[in-house]
Amino acid sequence: VKGRFTISRDNAKNTVYLQMNSLKPEDTAVYYCTAETVPY
């Protein structure tokens, strides 16, 4: 996805984004967001 997708984060809104450009059929999937904390 390098060069096509961009991840960004708005800490004030506690929101993360994934801008996906030049999408291809092989990008078809269920997309999941994850937040990493300690320990979960």
PDB file of all heavy atoms in Angstrom:
ATOM      1  N   VAL A   1       0.811  -1.220   0.000  1.00  0.00           N
ATOM      2  CA  VAL A   1       0.000   0.000   0.000  1.00  0.00           C
ATOM      3  C   VAL A   1       0.845   1.270   0.000  1.00  0.00           C
ATOM      4  O   VAL A   1       0.285   2.380  -0.066  1.00  0.00           O
ATOM      5  CB  VAL A   1      -0.979   0.027   1.200  1.00  0.00           C
ATOM      6  CG1 VAL A   1      -1.824  -1.222   1.233  1.00  0.00           C
ATOM      7  CG2 VAL A   1      -0.244   0.231   2.516  1.00  0.00           C
ATOM      8  N   LYS A   2       2.144   1.132   0.066  1.00  0.00           N
ATOM      9  CA  LYS A   2       3.018   2.322   0.087  1.00  0.00           C
ATOM     10  C   LYS A   2       2.784   3.166  -1.163  1.00  0.00           C
ATOM     11  O   LYS A   2       2.719   2.651  -2.272  1.00  0.00           O
ATOM     12  CB  LYS A   2       4.487   1.889   0.157  1.00  0.00           C
ATOM     13  CG  LYS A   2       4.948   1.491   1.542  1.00  0.00           C
ATOM     14  CD  LYS A   2       6.420   1.089   1.546  1.00  0.00           C
ATOM     15  CE  LYS A   2       6.859   0.670   2.930  1.00  0.00           C
ATOM     16  NZ  LYS A   2       8.268   0.196   2.944  1.00  0.00           N
ATOM     17  N   GLY A   3       2.657   4.465  -0.951  1.00  0.00           N
ATOM     18  CA  GLY A   3       2.434   5.386  -2.055  1.00  0.00           C
ATOM     19  C   GLY A   3       0.971   5.541  -2.427  1.00  0.00           C
ATOM     20  O   GLY A   3       0.630   6.440  -3.209  1.00  0.00           O
ATOM     21  N   ARG A   4       0.113   4.667  -1.907  1.00  0.00           N
ATOM     22  CA  ARG A   4      -1.325   4.753  -2.223  1.00  0.00           C
ATOM     23  C   ARG A   4      -2.167   5.083  -0.984  1.00  0.00           C
ATOM     24  O   ARG A   4      -3.173   5.778  -1.093  1.00  0.00           O
ATOM     25  CB  ARG A   4      -1.812   3.420  -2.811  1.00  0.00           C
ATOM     26  CG  ARG A   4      -1.115   3.015  -4.094  1.00  0.00           C
ATOM     27  CD  ARG A   4      -1.785   1.803  -4.726  1.00  0.00           C
ATOM     28  NE  ARG A   4      -1.757   0.625  -3.869  1.00  0.00           N
ATOM     29  CZ  ARG A   4      -2.831  -0.040  -3.478  1.00  0.00           C
ATOM     30  NH1 ARG A   4      -4.040   0.364  -3.852  1.00  0.00           N
ATOM     31  NH2 ARG A   4      -2.713  -1.112  -2.710  1.00  0.00           N
ATOM     32  N   PHE A   5      -1.775   4.569   0.159  1.00  0.00           N
ATOM     33  CA  PHE A   5      -2.530   4.776   1.397  1.00  0.00           C
ATOM     34  C   PHE A   5      -1.767   5.726   2.311  1.00  0.00           C
ATOM     35  O   PHE A   5      -0.539   5.714   2.348  1.00  0.00           O
ATOM     36  CB  PHE A   5      -2.725   3.453   2.132  1.00  0.00           C
ATOM     37  CG  PHE A   5      -3.666   2.478   1.469  1.00  0.00           C
ATOM     38  CD1 PHE A   5      -4.124   2.665   0.168  1.00  0.00           C
ATOM     39  CD2 PHE A   5      -4.084   1.350   2.157  1.00  0.00           C
ATOM     40  CE1 PHE A   5      -4.980   1.757  -0.430  1.00  0.00           C
ATOM     41  CE2 PHE A   5      -4.938   0.429   1.578  1.00  0.00           C
ATOM     42  CZ  PHE A   5      -5.380   0.639   0.272  1.00  0.00           C
ATOM     43  N   THR A   6      -2.514   6.511   3.082  1.00  0.00           N
ATOM     44  CA  THR A   6      -1.919   7.411   4.063  1.00  0.00           C
ATOM     45  C   THR A   6      -2.678   7.294   5.375  1.00  0.00           C
ATOM     46  O   THR A   6      -3.908   7.464   5.394  1.00  0.00           O
ATOM     47  CB  THR A   6      -1.957   8.862   3.580  1.00  0.00           C
ATOM     48  OG1 THR A   6      -1.265   8.977   2.332  1.00  0.00           O
ATOM     49  CG2 THR A   6      -1.280   9.774   4.610  1.00  0.00           C
ATOM     50  N   ILE A   7      -1.950   7.003   6.439  1.00  0.00           N
ATOM     51  CA  ILE A   7      -2.555   6.962   7.766  1.00  0.00           C
ATOM     52  C   ILE A   7      -2.270   8.282   8.464  1.00  0.00           C
ATOM     53  O   ILE A   7      -1.178   8.849   8.330  1.00  0.00           O
ATOM     54  CB  ILE A   7      -2.017   5.759   8.592  1.00  0.00           C
ATOM     55  CG1 ILE A   7      -2.810   5.587   9.882  1.00  0.00           C
ATOM     56  CG2 ILE A   7      -0.517   5.891   8.865  1.00  0.00           C
ATOM     57  CD1 ILE A   7      -2.489   4.296  10.633  1.00  0.00           C
ATOM     58  N   SER A   8      -3.258   8.776   9.177  1.00  0.00           N
ATOM     59  CA  SER A   8      -3.073  10.018   9.932  1.00  0.00           C
ATOM     60  C   SER A   8      -3.866   9.921  11.227  1.00  0.00           C
ATOM     61  O   SER A   8      -4.724   9.043  11.379  1.00  0.00           O
ATOM     62  CB  SER A   8      -3.516  11.229   9.104  1.00  0.00           C
ATOM     63  OG  SER A   8      -4.883  11.135   8.761  1.00  0.00           O
ATOM     64  N   ARG A   9      -3.573  10.851  12.113  1.00  0.00           N
ATOM     65  CA  ARG A   9      -4.143  10.759  13.455  1.00  0.00           C
ATOM     66  C   ARG A   9      -4.457  12.142  13.966  1.00  0.00           C
ATOM     67  O   ARG A   9      -3.625  13.051  13.859  1.00  0.00           O
ATOM     68  CB  ARG A   9      -3.127  10.056  14.358  1.00  0.00           C
ATOM     69  CG  ARG A   9      -3.516   9.800  15.781  1.00  0.00           C
ATOM     70  CD  ARG A   9      -2.459   8.891  16.415  1.00  0.00           C
ATOM     71  NE  ARG A   9      -2.763   8.653  17.807  1.00  0.00           N
ATOM     72  CZ  ARG A   9      -2.111   7.762  18.562  1.00  0.00           C
ATOM     73  NH1 ARG A   9      -1.124   7.050  18.054  1.00  0.00           N
ATOM     74  NH2 ARG A   9      -2.440   7.588  19.827  1.00  0.00           N
ATOM     75  N   ASP A  10      -5.640  12.327  14.504  1.00  0.00           N
ATOM     76  CA  ASP A  10      -6.040  13.576  15.137  1.00  0.00           C
ATOM     77  C   ASP A  10      -6.184  13.272  16.624  1.00  0.00           C
ATOM     78  O   ASP A  10      -7.211  12.744  17.057  1.00  0.00           O
ATOM     79  CB  ASP A  10      -7.349  14.085  14.537  1.00  0.00           C
ATOM     80  CG  ASP A  10      -7.751  15.450  15.040  1.00  0.00           C
ATOM     81  OD1 ASP A  10      -7.358  15.796  16.181  1.00  0.00           O
ATOM     82  OD2 ASP A  10      -8.452  16.160  14.323  1.00  0.00           O
ATOM     83  N   ASN A  11      -5.163  13.591  17.384  1.00  0.00           N
ATOM     84  CA  ASN A  11      -5.179  13.257  18.812  1.00  0.00           C
ATOM     85  C   ASN A  11      -6.264  14.026  19.561  1.00  0.00           C
ATOM     86  O   ASN A  11      -6.814  13.528  20.545  1.00  0.00           O
ATOM     87  CB  ASN A  11      -3.812  13.514  19.433  1.00  0.00           C
ATOM     88  CG  ASN A  11      -2.761  12.511  18.976  1.00  0.00           C
ATOM     89  OD1 ASN A  11      -3.070  11.354  18.696  1.00  0.00           O
ATOM     90  ND2 ASN A  11      -1.515  12.955  18.878  1.00  0.00           N
ATOM     91  N   ALA A  12      -6.587  15.224  19.099  1.00  0.00           N
ATOM     92  CA  ALA A  12      -7.620  16.015  19.774  1.00  0.00           C
ATOM     93  C   ALA A  12      -8.994  15.362  19.629  1.00  0.00           C
ATOM     94  O   ALA A  12      -9.840  15.476  20.520  1.00  0.00           O
ATOM     95  CB  ALA A  12      -7.651  17.426  19.211  1.00  0.00           C
ATOM     96  N   LYS A  13      -9.198  14.679  18.508  1.00  0.00           N
ATOM     97  CA  LYS A  13     -10.473  14.016  18.263  1.00  0.00           C
ATOM     98  C   LYS A  13     -10.412  12.527  18.569  1.00  0.00           C
ATOM     99  O   LYS A  13     -11.404  11.818  18.386  1.00  0.00           O
ATOM    100  CB  LYS A  13     -10.900  14.213  16.811  1.00  0.00           C
ATOM    101  CG  LYS A  13     -11.207  15.650  16.442  1.00  0.00           C
ATOM    102  CD  LYS A  13     -11.684  15.752  14.996  1.00  0.00           C
ATOM    103  CE  LYS A  13     -12.032  17.181  14.630  1.00  0.00           C
ATOM    104  NZ  LYS A  13     -12.501  17.306  13.227  1.00  0.00           N
ATOM    105  N   ASN A  14      -9.235  12.045  18.974  1.00  0.00           N
ATOM    106  CA  ASN A  14      -9.064  10.613  19.256  1.00  0.00           C
ATOM    107  C   ASN A  14      -9.491   9.765  18.067  1.00  0.00           C
ATOM    108  O   ASN A  14     -10.184   8.743  18.221  1.00  0.00           O
ATOM    109  CB  ASN A  14      -9.845  10.211  20.510  1.00  0.00           C
ATOM    110  CG  ASN A  14      -9.391  10.952  21.745  1.00  0.00           C
ATOM    111  OD1 ASN A  14      -8.199  11.076  21.978  1.00  0.00           O
ATOM    112  ND2 ASN A  14     -10.342  11.491  22.504  1.00  0.00           N
ATOM    113  N   THR A  15      -9.089  10.205  16.897  1.00  0.00           N
ATOM    114  CA  THR A  15      -9.502   9.551  15.654  1.00  0.00           C
ATOM    115  C   THR A  15      -8.290   9.293  14.780  1.00  0.00           C
ATOM    116  O   THR A  15      -7.395  10.142  14.692  1.00  0.00           O
ATOM    117  CB  THR A  15     -10.523  10.415  14.899  1.00  0.00           C
ATOM    118  OG1 THR A  15     -11.680  10.607  15.731  1.00  0.00           O
ATOM    119  CG2 THR A  15     -10.956   9.746  13.606  1.00  0.00           C
ATOM    120  N   VAL A  16      -8.285   8.140  14.155  1.00  0.00           N
ATOM    121  CA  VAL A  16      -7.253   7.803  13.180  1.00  0.00           C
ATOM    122  C   VAL A  16      -7.945   7.584  11.833  1.00  0.00           C
ATOM    123  O   VAL A  16      -9.076   7.092  11.775  1.00  0.00           O
ATOM    124  CB  VAL A  16      -6.440   6.565  13.610  1.00  0.00           C
ATOM    125  CG1 VAL A  16      -7.310   5.322  13.646  1.00  0.00           C
ATOM    126  CG2 VAL A  16      -5.242   6.356  12.705  1.00  0.00           C
ATOM    127  N   TYR A  17      -7.265   7.974  10.765  1.00  0.00           N
ATOM    128  CA  TYR A  17      -7.823   7.907   9.428  1.00  0.00           C
ATOM    129  C   TYR A  17      -6.932   7.046   8.535  1.00  0.00           C
ATOM    130  O   TYR A  17      -5.727   6.919   8.776  1.00  0.00           O
ATOM    131  CB  TYR A  17      -7.932   9.298   8.816  1.00  0.00           C
ATOM    132  CG  TYR A  17      -8.718  10.280   9.645  1.00  0.00           C
ATOM    133  CD1 TYR A  17      -8.068  11.154  10.516  1.00  0.00           C
ATOM    134  CD2 TYR A  17     -10.104  10.337   9.560  1.00  0.00           C
ATOM    135  CE1 TYR A  17      -8.778  12.051  11.290  1.00  0.00           C
ATOM    136  CE2 TYR A  17     -10.829  11.236  10.323  1.00  0.00           C
ATOM    137  CZ  TYR A  17     -10.162  12.095  11.182  1.00  0.00           C
ATOM    138  OH  TYR A  17     -10.889  12.981  11.942  1.00  0.00           O
ATOM    139  N   LEU A  18      -7.544   6.491   7.507  1.00  0.00           N
ATOM    140  CA  LEU A  18      -6.786   5.808   6.465  1.00  0.00           C
ATOM    141  C   LEU A  18      -7.320   6.296   5.122  1.00  0.00           C
ATOM    142  O   LEU A  18      -8.437   5.950   4.730  1.00  0.00           O
ATOM    143  CB  LEU A  18      -6.920   4.286   6.575  1.00  0.00           C
ATOM    144  CG  LEU A  18      -6.045   3.501   5.599  1.00  0.00           C
ATOM    145  CD1 LEU A  18      -4.557   3.669   5.954  1.00  0.00           C
ATOM    146  CD2 LEU A  18      -6.413   2.013   5.589  1.00  0.00           C
ATOM    147  N   GLN A  19      -6.534   7.142   4.474  1.00  0.00           N
ATOM    148  CA  GLN A  19      -6.881   7.615   3.142  1.00  0.00           C
ATOM    149  C   GLN A  19      -6.355   6.605   2.136  1.00  0.00           C
ATOM    150  O   GLN A  19      -5.151   6.331   2.102  1.00  0.00           O
ATOM    151  CB  GLN A  19      -6.265   8.984   2.880  1.00  0.00           C
ATOM    152  CG  GLN A  19      -6.529   9.523   1.488  1.00  0.00           C
ATOM    153  CD  GLN A  19      -7.992   9.832   1.243  1.00  0.00           C
ATOM    154  OE1 GLN A  19      -8.664  10.412   2.092  1.00  0.00           O
ATOM    155  NE2 GLN A  19      -8.506   9.444   0.080  1.00  0.00           N
ATOM    156  N   MET A  20      -7.245   6.056   1.338  1.00  0.00           N
ATOM    157  CA  MET A  20      -6.877   5.013   0.380  1.00  0.00           C
ATOM    158  C   MET A  20      -7.143   5.513  -1.031  1.00  0.00           C
ATOM    159  O   MET A  20      -8.294   5.789  -1.390  1.00  0.00           O
ATOM    160  CB  MET A  20      -7.686   3.737   0.652  1.00  0.00           C
ATOM    161  CG  MET A  20      -7.572   3.231   2.087  1.00  0.00           C
ATOM    162  SD  MET A  20      -8.412   1.656   2.349  1.00  0.00           S
ATOM    163  CE  MET A  20     -10.113   2.162   2.113  1.00  0.00           C
ATOM    164  N   ASN A  21      -6.081   5.656  -1.806  1.00  0.00           N
ATOM    165  CA  ASN A  21      -6.173   6.126  -3.191  1.00  0.00           C
ATOM    166  C   ASN A  21      -5.731   5.018  -4.139  1.00  0.00           C
ATOM    167  O   ASN A  21      -5.082   4.054  -3.731  1.00  0.00           O
ATOM    168  CB  ASN A  21      -5.304   7.365  -3.389  1.00  0.00           C
ATOM    169  CG  ASN A  21      -5.726   8.531  -2.529  1.00  0.00           C
ATOM    170  OD1 ASN A  21      -6.918   8.700  -2.228  1.00  0.00           O
ATOM    171  ND2 ASN A  21      -4.756   9.340  -2.116  1.00  0.00           N
ATOM    172  N   SER A  22      -6.071   5.189  -5.391  1.00  0.00           N
ATOM    173  CA  SER A  22      -5.691   4.215  -6.432  1.00  0.00           C
ATOM    174  C   SER A  22      -6.018   2.792  -5.996  1.00  0.00           C
ATOM    175  O   SER A  22      -5.187   1.879  -6.090  1.00  0.00           O
ATOM    176  CB  SER A  22      -4.183   4.342  -6.734  1.00  0.00           C
ATOM    177  OG  SER A  22      -3.876   5.644  -7.147  1.00  0.00           O
ATOM    178  N   LEU A  23      -7.225   2.605  -5.542  1.00  0.00           N
ATOM    179  CA  LEU A  23      -7.623   1.303  -5.014  1.00  0.00           C
ATOM    180  C   LEU A  23      -7.638   0.239  -6.092  1.00  0.00           C
ATOM    181  O   LEU A  23      -7.959   0.510  -7.260  1.00  0.00           O
ATOM    182  CB  LEU A  23      -8.993   1.402  -4.343  1.00  0.00           C
ATOM    183  CG  LEU A  23      -8.958   2.042  -2.946  1.00  0.00           C
ATOM    184  CD1 LEU A  23     -10.326   2.549  -2.550  1.00  0.00           C
ATOM    185  CD2 LEU A  23      -8.432   1.052  -1.935  1.00  0.00           C
ATOM    186  N   LYS A  24      -7.276  -0.975  -5.681  1.00  0.00           N
ATOM    187  CA  LYS A  24      -7.207  -2.125  -6.567  1.00  0.00           C
ATOM    188  C   LYS A  24      -8.156  -3.214  -6.058  1.00  0.00           C
ATOM    189  O   LYS A  24      -8.452  -3.254  -4.855  1.00  0.00           O
ATOM    190  CB  LYS A  24      -5.785  -2.682  -6.591  1.00  0.00           C
ATOM    191  CG  LYS A  24      -4.713  -1.678  -6.961  1.00  0.00           C
ATOM    192  CD  LYS A  24      -3.325  -2.296  -6.835  1.00  0.00           C
ATOM    193  CE  LYS A  24      -2.239  -1.291  -7.175  1.00  0.00           C
ATOM    194  NZ  LYS A  24      -0.878  -1.879  -7.058  1.00  0.00           N
ATOM    195  N   PRO A  25      -8.593  -4.100  -6.931  1.00  0.00           N
ATOM    196  CA  PRO A  25      -9.461  -5.197  -6.463  1.00  0.00           C
ATOM    197  C   PRO A  25      -8.832  -6.000  -5.321  1.00  0.00           C
ATOM    198  O   PRO A  25      -9.557  -6.466  -4.431  1.00  0.00           O
ATOM    199  CB  PRO A  25      -9.640  -6.048  -7.717  1.00  0.00           C
ATOM    200  CG  PRO A  25      -9.535  -5.071  -8.841  1.00  0.00           C
ATOM    201  CD  PRO A  25      -8.481  -4.081  -8.395  1.00  0.00           C
ATOM    202  N   GLU A  26      -7.522  -6.135  -5.322  1.00  0.00           N
ATOM    203  CA  GLU A  26      -6.866  -6.894  -4.254  1.00  0.00           C
ATOM    204  C   GLU A  26      -6.865  -6.174  -2.913  1.00  0.00           C
ATOM    205  O   GLU A  26      -6.436  -6.725  -1.901  1.00  0.00           O
ATOM    206  CB  GLU A  26      -5.427  -7.271  -4.642  1.00  0.00           C
ATOM    207  CG  GLU A  26      -4.586  -6.119  -5.137  1.00  0.00           C
ATOM    208  CD  GLU A  26      -4.561  -6.014  -6.649  1.00  0.00           C
ATOM    209  OE1 GLU A  26      -5.630  -6.158  -7.288  1.00  0.00           O
ATOM    210  OE2 GLU A  26      -3.461  -5.765  -7.205  1.00  0.00           O
ATOM    211  N   ASP A  27      -7.344  -4.930  -2.883  1.00  0.00           N
ATOM    212  CA  ASP A  27      -7.506  -4.226  -1.608  1.00  0.00           C
ATOM    213  C   ASP A  27      -8.825  -4.594  -0.928  1.00  0.00           C
ATOM    214  O   ASP A  27      -9.075  -4.180   0.207  1.00  0.00           O
ATOM    215  CB  ASP A  27      -7.475  -2.707  -1.818  1.00  0.00           C
ATOM    216  CG  ASP A  27      -6.126  -2.208  -2.298  1.00  0.00           C
ATOM    217  OD1 ASP A  27      -5.091  -2.677  -1.776  1.00  0.00           O
ATOM    218  OD2 ASP A  27      -6.106  -1.338  -3.206  1.00  0.00           O
ATOM    219  N   THR A  28      -9.657  -5.370  -1.623  1.00  0.00           N
ATOM    220  CA  THR A  28     -10.925  -5.795  -1.042  1.00  0.00           C
ATOM    221  C   THR A  28     -10.687  -6.608   0.222  1.00  0.00           C
ATOM    222  O   THR A  28      -9.927  -7.578   0.222  1.00  0.00           O
ATOM    223  CB  THR A  28     -11.718  -6.636  -2.061  1.00  0.00           C
ATOM    224  OG1 THR A  28     -12.082  -5.804  -3.162  1.00  0.00           O
ATOM    225  CG2 THR A  28     -12.966  -7.235  -1.423  1.00  0.00           C
ATOM    226  N   ALA A  29     -11.305  -6.188   1.317  1.00  0.00           N
ATOM    227  CA  ALA A  29     -11.089  -6.831   2.605  1.00  0.00           C
ATOM    228  C   ALA A  29     -11.985  -6.176   3.651  1.00  0.00           C
ATOM    229  O   ALA A  29     -12.573  -5.120   3.403  1.00  0.00           O
ATOM    230  CB  ALA A  29      -9.626  -6.698   3.041  1.00  0.00           C
ATOM    231  N   VAL A  30     -12.035  -6.800   4.814  1.00  0.00           N
ATOM    232  CA  VAL A  30     -12.580  -6.129   5.993  1.00  0.00           C
ATOM    233  C   VAL A  30     -11.407  -5.413   6.655  1.00  0.00           C
ATOM    234  O   VAL A  30     -10.373  -6.033   6.926  1.00  0.00           O
ATOM    235  CB  VAL A  30     -13.239  -7.112   6.970  1.00  0.00           C
ATOM    236  CG1 VAL A  30     -13.730  -6.370   8.208  1.00  0.00           C
ATOM    237  CG2 VAL A  30     -14.380  -7.846   6.290  1.00  0.00           C
ATOM    238  N   TYR A  31     -11.576  -4.148   6.896  1.00  0.00           N
ATOM    239  CA  TYR A  31     -10.524  -3.327   7.493  1.00  0.00           C
ATOM    240  C   TYR A  31     -10.832  -3.097   8.968  1.00  0.00           C
ATOM    241  O   TYR A  31     -11.951  -2.702   9.324  1.00  0.00           O
ATOM    242  CB  TYR A  31     -10.413  -1.993   6.765  1.00  0.00           C
ATOM    243  CG  TYR A  31      -9.708  -2.123   5.438  1.00  0.00           C
ATOM    244  CD1 TYR A  31     -10.313  -2.761   4.358  1.00  0.00           C
ATOM    245  CD2 TYR A  31      -8.415  -1.608   5.245  1.00  0.00           C
ATOM    246  CE1 TYR A  31      -9.659  -2.910   3.139  1.00  0.00           C
ATOM    247  CE2 TYR A  31      -7.767  -1.740   4.026  1.00  0.00           C
ATOM    248  CZ  TYR A  31      -8.396  -2.392   2.990  1.00  0.00           C
ATOM    249  OH  TYR A  31      -7.745  -2.529   1.779  1.00  0.00           O
ATOM    250  N   TYR A  32      -9.829  -3.344   9.802  1.00  0.00           N
ATOM    251  CA  TYR A  32      -9.967  -3.225  11.242  1.00  0.00           C
ATOM    252  C   TYR A  32      -9.024  -2.164  11.776  1.00  0.00           C
ATOM    253  O   TYR A  32      -7.863  -2.085  11.388  1.00  0.00           O
ATOM    254  CB  TYR A  32      -9.631  -4.546  11.931  1.00  0.00           C
ATOM    255  CG  TYR A  32     -10.544  -5.697  11.587  1.00  0.00           C
ATOM    256  CD1 TYR A  32     -10.249  -6.538  10.518  1.00  0.00           C
ATOM    257  CD2 TYR A  32     -11.690  -5.946  12.331  1.00  0.00           C
ATOM    258  CE1 TYR A  32     -11.079  -7.599  10.194  1.00  0.00           C
ATOM    259  CE2 TYR A  32     -12.529  -7.005  12.014  1.00  0.00           C
ATOM    260  CZ  TYR A  32     -12.215  -7.817  10.947  1.00  0.00           C
ATOM    261  OH  TYR A  32     -13.039  -8.871  10.638  1.00  0.00           O
ATOM    262  N   CYS A  33      -9.523  -1.409  12.720  1.00  0.00           N
ATOM    263  CA  CYS A  33      -8.716  -0.444  13.448  1.00  0.00           C
ATOM    264  C   CYS A  33      -8.283  -1.085  14.763  1.00  0.00           C
ATOM    265  O   CYS A  33      -9.057  -1.839  15.372  1.00  0.00           O
ATOM    266  CB  CYS A  33      -9.553   0.802  13.707  1.00  0.00           C
ATOM    267  SG  CYS A  33      -8.818   2.015  14.806  1.00  0.00           S
ATOM    268  N   THR A  34      -7.091  -0.785  15.197  1.00  0.00           N
ATOM    269  CA  THR A  34      -6.621  -1.304  16.472  1.00  0.00           C
ATOM    270  C   THR A  34      -5.895  -0.218  17.249  1.00  0.00           C
ATOM    271  O   THR A  34      -5.256   0.656  16.660  1.00  0.00           O
ATOM    272  CB  THR A  34      -5.708  -2.533  16.262  1.00  0.00           C
ATOM    273  OG1 THR A  34      -5.299  -3.035  17.534  1.00  0.00           O
ATOM    274  CG2 THR A  34      -4.464  -2.178  15.474  1.00  0.00           C
ATOM    275  N   ALA A  35      -6.029  -0.275  18.550  1.00  0.00           N
ATOM    276  CA  ALA A  35      -5.349   0.660  19.450  1.00  0.00           C
ATOM    277  C   ALA A  35      -4.463  -0.154  20.390  1.00  0.00           C
ATOM    278  O   ALA A  35      -4.936  -1.092  21.046  1.00  0.00           O
ATOM    279  CB  ALA A  35      -6.359   1.464  20.241  1.00  0.00           C
ATOM    280  N   GLU A  36      -3.210   0.208  20.413  1.00  0.00           N
ATOM    281  CA  GLU A  36      -2.249  -0.519  21.227  1.00  0.00           C
ATOM    282  C   GLU A  36      -2.050   0.188  22.563  1.00  0.00           C
ATOM    283  O   GLU A  36      -1.694   1.366  22.607  1.00  0.00           O
ATOM    284  CB  GLU A  36      -0.923  -0.634  20.481  1.00  0.00           C
ATOM    285  CG  GLU A  36      -1.033  -1.391  19.158  1.00  0.00           C
ATOM    286  CD  GLU A  36       0.259  -1.389  18.364  1.00  0.00           C
ATOM    287  OE1 GLU A  36       1.280  -0.925  18.887  1.00  0.00           O
ATOM    288  OE2 GLU A  36       0.238  -1.851  17.212  1.00  0.00           O
ATOM    289  N   THR A  37      -2.334  -0.544  23.633  1.00  0.00           N
ATOM    290  CA  THR A  37      -2.072  -0.042  24.982  1.00  0.00           C
ATOM    291  C   THR A  37      -1.281  -1.115  25.720  1.00  0.00           C
ATOM    292  O   THR A  37      -1.044  -2.198  25.195  1.00  0.00           O
ATOM    293  CB  THR A  37      -3.376   0.251  25.741  1.00  0.00           C
ATOM    294  OG1 THR A  37      -4.009  -0.993  26.111  1.00  0.00           O
ATOM    295  CG2 THR A  37      -4.345   1.068  24.896  1.00  0.00           C
ATOM    296  N   VAL A  38      -0.871  -0.798  26.905  1.00  0.00           N
ATOM    297  CA  VAL A  38      -0.221  -1.797  27.753  1.00  0.00           C
ATOM    298  C   VAL A  38      -1.208  -2.194  28.836  1.00  0.00           C
ATOM    299  O   VAL A  38      -1.636  -1.334  29.616  1.00  0.00           O
ATOM    300  CB  VAL A  38       1.074  -1.243  28.364  1.00  0.00           C
ATOM    301  CG1 VAL A  38       1.709  -2.282  29.294  1.00  0.00           C
ATOM    302  CG2 VAL A  38       2.045  -0.840  27.257  1.00  0.00           C
ATOM    303  N   PRO A  39      -1.577  -3.462  28.983  1.00  0.00           N
ATOM    304  CA  PRO A  39      -1.030  -4.599  28.234  1.00  0.00           C
ATOM    305  C   PRO A  39      -1.899  -5.109  27.080  1.00  0.00           C
ATOM    306  O   PRO A  39      -1.606  -6.151  26.508  1.00  0.00           O
ATOM    307  CB  PRO A  39      -0.974  -5.675  29.320  1.00  0.00           C
ATOM    308  CG  PRO A  39      -2.195  -5.407  30.134  1.00  0.00           C
ATOM    309  CD  PRO A  39      -2.390  -3.917  30.110  1.00  0.00           C
ATOM    310  N   TYR A  40      -2.988  -4.404  26.750  1.00  0.00           N
ATOM    311  CA  TYR A  40      -3.934  -4.938  25.780  1.00  0.00           C
ATOM    312  C   TYR A  40      -3.909  -4.187  24.452  1.00  0.00           C
ATOM    313  O   TYR A  40      -3.588  -2.999  24.390  1.00  0.00           O
ATOM    314  CB  TYR A  40      -5.363  -4.868  26.330  1.00  0.00           C
ATOM    315  CG  TYR A  40      -5.556  -5.591  27.633  1.00  0.00           C
ATOM    316  CD1 TYR A  40      -5.810  -4.875  28.802  1.00  0.00           C
ATOM    317  CD2 TYR A  40      -5.487  -6.975  27.709  1.00  0.00           C
ATOM    318  CE1 TYR A  40      -5.991  -5.520  30.009  1.00  0.00           C
ATOM    319  CE2 TYR A  40      -5.663  -7.627  28.912  1.00  0.00           C
ATOM    320  CZ  TYR A  40      -5.913  -6.904  30.062  1.00  0.00           C
ATOM    321  OH  TYR A  40      -6.090  -7.550  31.253  1.00  0.00           O
TER     322      TYR A  40
END
